[in-house]
Protein backbone atom coordinates (compact mmCIF):
# COMPACT_ATOMS: atom_id res chain seq x y z
CA UNK A 1 22.34 3.11 2.51
CA UNK A 2 18.85 4.56 2.06
CA UNK A 3 15.63 2.49 2.97
CA UNK A 4 12.47 3.90 1.84
CA UNK A 5 9.03 2.82 3.97
CA UNK A 6 5.64 3.04 2.64
CA UNK A 7 3.00 2.90 5.48
CA UNK A 8 -0.57 2.23 5.41
CA UNK A 9 -3.01 1.58 8.26
CA UNK A 10 -5.51 -1.34 7.41
CA UNK A 11 -2.73 -4.00 8.23
CA UNK A 12 -1.54 -2.72 11.27
CA UNK A 13 -2.00 -5.07 14.27
CA UNK A 14 -5.32 -4.40 16.11
CA UNK A 15 -6.94 -2.43 13.12
CA UNK A 16 -10.27 -4.47 12.11
CA UNK A 17 -12.80 -1.94 11.53
CA UNK A 18 -12.96 1.51 9.53
CA UNK A 19 -13.96 3.40 12.57
CA UNK A 20 -10.27 2.73 13.36
CA UNK A 21 -8.99 4.15 10.19
CA UNK A 22 -10.97 7.43 9.60
CA UNK A 23 -10.18 10.52 11.15
CA UNK A 24 -13.84 10.96 12.69
CA UNK A 25 -13.70 7.39 13.93
CA UNK A 26 -13.77 7.10 17.89
CA UNK A 27 -10.65 4.59 17.63
CA UNK A 28 -8.79 6.53 15.21
CA UNK A 29 -6.28 8.14 17.80
CA UNK A 30 -5.48 4.82 19.28
CA UNK A 31 -4.91 3.36 15.84
CA UNK A 32 -2.66 5.96 14.38
CA UNK A 33 -0.45 5.46 17.33
CA UNK A 34 -0.12 1.67 16.59
CA UNK A 35 0.66 2.59 13.09
CA UNK A 36 3.25 4.92 14.16
CA UNK A 37 4.80 2.19 16.44
CA UNK A 38 4.97 -0.19 13.67
CA UNK A 39 6.64 2.57 11.39
CA UNK A 40 9.25 2.99 14.28
CA UNK A 41 9.74 -0.65 14.56
CA UNK A 42 10.70 -0.80 10.70
CA UNK A 43 12.77 2.27 10.98
CA UNK A 44 14.73 0.68 13.74
CA UNK A 45 15.06 -2.45 11.91
CA UNK A 46 16.39 -0.90 8.90
CA UNK A 47 18.97 0.90 10.93
CA UNK A 48 20.01 -2.22 12.81
CA UNK A 49 20.33 -3.98 9.20
CA UNK A 50 22.72 -1.24 8.14
CA UNK A 51 20.80 1.71 6.61
CA UNK A 52 22.26 5.14 7.02
CA UNK A 53 19.03 6.93 6.22
CA UNK A 54 15.38 6.18 6.03
CA UNK A 55 12.49 8.01 4.28
CA UNK A 56 8.90 7.32 5.30
CA UNK A 57 5.86 7.87 3.45
CA UNK A 58 2.52 8.11 5.10
CA UNK A 59 0.21 6.39 2.52
CA UNK A 60 -3.04 6.05 4.44
CA UNK A 61 -6.20 8.09 3.49
CA UNK A 62 -5.22 11.70 3.74
CA UNK A 63 -1.65 10.55 4.32
CA UNK A 64 -1.00 12.58 7.40
CA UNK A 65 -1.75 10.10 10.04
CA UNK A 66 1.60 9.27 11.66
CA UNK A 67 2.26 11.18 14.96
CA UNK A 68 5.31 13.35 14.40
CA UNK A 69 6.20 13.75 17.88
CA UNK A 70 6.53 9.92 18.43
CA UNK A 71 8.26 9.07 15.14
CA UNK A 72 11.88 7.84 15.26
CA UNK A 73 13.93 11.18 14.79
CA UNK A 74 16.62 9.43 12.61
CA UNK A 75 13.87 9.13 9.76
CA UNK A 76 12.34 11.87 7.32
CA UNK A 77 8.59 11.82 6.57
CA UNK A 78 6.59 12.72 3.49
CA UNK A 79 3.03 13.69 4.56
CA UNK A 80 0.09 14.99 3.16
CA UNK A 81 -1.92 14.59 -0.17
CA UNK A 82 -2.26 14.87 -3.22
CA UNK A 83 1.05 13.01 -4.32
CA UNK A 84 1.91 12.32 -7.90
CA UNK A 85 3.17 8.77 -6.93
CA UNK A 86 0.54 8.15 -4.02
CA UNK A 87 1.70 5.56 -1.69
CA UNK A 88 5.33 5.44 -3.26
CA UNK A 89 5.90 9.30 -3.46
CA UNK A 90 9.47 10.03 -3.01
CA UNK A 91 10.92 6.59 -3.75
CA UNK A 92 14.10 6.88 -5.94
CA UNK A 93 16.83 4.78 -7.39
CA UNK A 94 18.91 5.72 -4.66
CA UNK A 95 16.92 3.51 -2.25
CA UNK A 96 18.38 0.15 -1.44
CA UNK A 97 15.10 -1.48 -0.92
CA UNK A 98 11.57 -0.42 0.04
CA UNK A 99 9.43 -1.82 2.86
CA UNK A 100 5.70 -1.73 2.83
CA UNK A 101 3.98 -1.73 6.41
CA UNK A 102 0.42 -2.09 7.45
CA UNK A 103 -0.57 -3.03 3.93
CA UNK A 104 -4.09 -4.82 3.30
CA UNK A 105 -5.45 -7.37 0.63
CA UNK A 106 -6.75 -5.98 -2.68
CA UNK A 107 -10.29 -5.28 -3.57
CA UNK A 108 -12.61 -8.36 -3.73
CA UNK A 109 -10.44 -10.48 -1.38
CA UNK A 110 -11.81 -13.20 1.02
CA UNK A 111 -10.73 -13.13 4.63
CA UNK A 112 -8.83 -9.69 4.14
CA UNK A 113 -9.23 -7.08 6.95
CA UNK A 114 -10.79 -3.95 5.01
CA UNK A 115 -9.77 -5.13 1.71
CA UNK A 116 -9.84 -2.48 -0.99
CA UNK A 117 -7.58 -1.25 -3.84
CA UNK A 118 -6.68 2.45 -3.68
CA UNK A 119 -10.14 4.19 -3.41
CA UNK A 120 -12.49 1.46 -1.87
CA UNK A 121 -15.84 3.57 -2.25
CA UNK A 122 -15.43 3.47 -6.22
CA UNK A 123 -13.20 0.36 -6.98
CA UNK A 124 -14.77 -3.07 -7.26
CA UNK A 125 -11.69 -4.87 -8.88
CA UNK A 126 -8.42 -3.99 -10.49
CA UNK A 127 -6.31 -6.04 -13.03
CA UNK A 128 -3.22 -5.57 -14.88
CA UNK A 129 -2.62 -7.97 -17.72
CA UNK A 130 -5.81 -9.56 -16.95
CA UNK A 131 -4.47 -10.47 -13.21
CA UNK A 132 -5.81 -8.99 -10.11
CA UNK A 133 -3.30 -6.45 -8.77
CA UNK A 134 -3.45 -4.94 -5.37
CA UNK A 135 -1.67 -1.90 -3.87
CA UNK A 136 1.21 -3.93 -3.00
CA UNK A 137 1.84 -5.08 -6.51
CA UNK A 138 1.06 -1.68 -8.37
CA UNK A 139 3.61 0.09 -5.69
CA UNK A 140 6.17 -2.52 -6.24
CA UNK A 141 6.13 -1.96 -9.87
CA UNK A 142 6.92 1.83 -9.31
CA UNK A 143 9.71 0.78 -7.14
CA UNK A 144 11.01 -1.82 -9.46
CA UNK A 145 10.87 0.41 -12.40
CA UNK A 146 13.75 2.26 -10.47
CA UNK A 147 15.59 -0.81 -9.49
CA UNK A 148 14.32 -0.73 -6.03
CA UNK A 149 13.21 -4.08 -4.49
CA UNK A 150 10.50 -4.35 -2.07
CA UNK A 151 12.06 -6.32 0.80
CA UNK A 152 9.27 -6.81 3.20
CA UNK A 153 5.36 -6.54 3.58
CA UNK A 154 3.49 -6.58 6.68
CA UNK A 155 -0.33 -6.95 7.18
CA UNK A 156 -2.75 -9.69 7.56
CA UNK A 157 -2.15 -13.29 6.08
CA UNK A 158 -4.06 -12.61 3.02
CA UNK A 159 -1.87 -9.50 1.86
CA UNK A 160 1.12 -11.53 2.89
CA UNK A 161 0.11 -14.46 0.40
CA UNK A 162 -0.70 -11.92 -2.23
CA UNK A 163 2.79 -10.27 -1.71
CA UNK A 164 4.44 -13.37 -2.37
CA UNK A 165 2.45 -14.47 -5.18
CA UNK A 166 3.13 -11.17 -6.77
CA UNK A 167 6.79 -10.68 -5.83
CA UNK A 168 8.17 -13.94 -5.36
CA UNK A 169 10.88 -14.07 -2.41
CA UNK A 170 9.87 -11.03 -0.47
CA UNK A 171 9.71 -11.31 3.42
CA UNK A 172 6.39 -11.06 5.04
CA UNK A 173 5.02 -10.51 8.50
CA UNK A 174 1.42 -11.40 9.28
CA UNK A 175 0.51 -9.49 12.54
CA UNK A 176 -3.12 -10.67 12.35
CA UNK A 177 -5.15 -13.47 10.77
CA UNK A 178 -8.21 -12.08 9.04
CA UNK A 179 -11.10 -14.17 9.76
CA UNK A 180 -13.82 -11.97 7.79
CA UNK A 181 -13.52 -8.52 6.39
CA UNK A 182 -14.13 -7.01 9.99
CA UNK A 183 -12.58 -9.47 12.16
CA UNK A 184 -9.17 -10.94 13.06
CA UNK A 185 -7.11 -12.82 15.45
CA UNK A 186 -4.49 -10.29 16.19
CA UNK A 187 -1.00 -10.15 17.78
CA UNK A 188 -0.78 -7.39 20.52
CA UNK A 189 0.92 -4.29 18.91
CA UNK A 190 4.08 -4.68 21.12
CA UNK A 191 4.59 -8.21 19.66
CA UNK A 192 3.71 -7.20 16.16
CA UNK A 193 6.56 -4.50 16.58
CA UNK A 194 9.09 -6.79 17.78
CA UNK A 195 8.34 -9.04 14.66
CA UNK A 196 8.45 -6.24 12.37
CA UNK A 197 11.64 -4.75 13.60
CA UNK A 198 13.47 -8.12 13.50
CA UNK A 199 12.20 -8.67 9.89
CA UNK A 200 13.23 -5.47 8.79
CA UNK A 201 16.64 -5.87 9.99
CA UNK A 202 17.00 -9.24 8.03
CA UNK A 203 15.21 -7.96 4.88
CA UNK A 204 17.37 -4.72 4.24
CA UNK A 205 20.59 -7.13 4.49
CA UNK A 206 19.43 -9.31 1.70
CA UNK A 207 16.61 -7.72 -0.49
CA UNK A 208 15.17 -9.68 -3.30
CA UNK A 209 15.27 -8.78 -6.99
CA UNK A 210 13.06 -5.77 -8.24
CA UNK A 211 9.56 -6.53 -9.33
CA UNK A 212 9.74 -5.71 -12.94
CA UNK A 213 7.03 -6.83 -15.05
CA UNK A 214 7.11 -5.90 -18.61
CA UNK A 215 5.59 -2.60 -19.88
CA UNK A 216 3.30 -1.60 -21.37
CA UNK A 217 0.64 -2.17 -18.58
CA UNK A 218 -2.88 -3.11 -19.69
CA UNK A 219 -5.11 -1.87 -16.79
CA UNK A 220 -8.78 -2.71 -16.58
CA UNK A 221 -10.71 -1.51 -13.56
CA UNK A 222 -14.39 -2.51 -12.30
CA UNK A 223 -16.10 0.27 -10.82
CA UNK A 224 -18.99 0.01 -8.21
CA UNK A 225 -21.31 1.45 -10.69
CA UNK A 226 -21.67 2.96 -14.27
CA UNK A 227 -21.67 6.60 -13.03
CA UNK A 228 -18.02 6.12 -11.63
CA UNK A 229 -17.09 4.88 -15.17
CA UNK A 230 -18.88 7.80 -16.95
CA UNK A 231 -16.48 10.16 -14.90
CA UNK A 232 -13.24 7.95 -15.33
CA UNK A 233 -13.91 8.04 -19.25
CA UNK A 234 -13.22 11.76 -19.28
CA UNK A 235 -9.55 10.88 -18.78
CA UNK A 236 -8.00 10.98 -22.24
CA UNK A 237 -6.84 7.48 -23.45
CA UNK A 238 -9.38 5.98 -21.38
CA UNK A 239 -11.52 3.00 -23.28
CA UNK A 240 -14.93 1.81 -22.13
CA UNK A 241 -15.00 -1.71 -22.23
CA UNK A 242 -18.11 -2.30 -20.08
CA UNK A 243 -20.93 -0.78 -18.26
CA UNK A 244 -18.95 -0.13 -15.27
CA UNK A 245 -15.33 -0.89 -16.55
CA UNK A 246 -12.53 1.37 -17.92
CA UNK A 247 -9.30 0.29 -19.54
CA UNK A 248 -6.12 1.95 -20.39
CA UNK A 249 -2.81 1.01 -21.73
CA UNK A 250 -0.07 2.57 -19.52
CA UNK A 251 3.50 2.90 -21.03
CA UNK A 252 5.18 2.84 -17.57
CA UNK A 253 4.40 2.11 -13.78
CA UNK A 254 4.22 5.73 -12.99
CA UNK A 255 1.49 6.43 -15.55
CA UNK A 256 -0.35 3.26 -14.29
CA UNK A 257 -0.40 5.07 -10.76
CA UNK A 258 -1.45 8.47 -11.93
CA UNK A 259 -4.30 7.18 -14.41
CA UNK A 260 -5.71 5.19 -11.41
CA UNK A 261 -5.66 8.31 -9.08
CA UNK A 262 -7.33 10.36 -11.95
CA UNK A 263 -10.01 7.74 -12.59
CA UNK A 264 -10.92 7.15 -8.82
CA UNK A 265 -10.86 11.08 -8.05
CA UNK A 266 -13.19 11.77 -10.64
CA UNK A 267 -15.40 8.59 -9.94
CA UNK A 268 -15.52 9.92 -6.37
CA UNK A 269 -17.26 12.97 -7.32
CA UNK A 270 -20.31 10.75 -8.67
CA UNK A 271 -20.92 9.23 -4.94
CA UNK A 272 -23.81 10.73 -3.19
């Protein structure tokens, strides 16, 4: 049984500030080890639950954060970017389920540590079918299109609530309680890892149904300013529906992810 794991950093226990999540930050080296430890906990739990193989995708920032020397040797890793499917690169129909570790709340969330959706510098809000979607929902839709259910989501209490709202009976582990965007009451890393391992073990044994919202997907993205939307509008098929808002009708979840990546990459070139 193959288990797929996508790992972000903002939702890891102890992480509360951008200084911890950026390679140039003073606390980055410590935070990446907390991220690696939570990944190892999920890997161990997956094997405890019956996995015969585990594939991990480093899904944060430049996507080369996990400390390979400290990663569970039973797993394989996808590292680096640019990735066509970004945070769910490498997921296939062979996977029995997916685990989302260290995830965070979507852009515009209240009481969500470092809330954003894909590229926080340029994305103010993202909607699919008129409803706010975060990275959990976007990535789960890609997995679901392949028949792969998301069995576990970990992060703060807000992303856990959002995961349950989008995905239904998904298992969640809140490793911290966000108070504001940059403040949380957090579990110690060792305790968080214990909880993640136990949850992963149970999650892979009885995964829920895949998240399969019907296609096509009506995407709307509010950028932080009109210059970002000017750049995104260069993508063929894009419709400008507001001063800082672009829309796109994606035929499938993979295209949805690729359009978001193209838009935000272009939009990022306008930031000075």
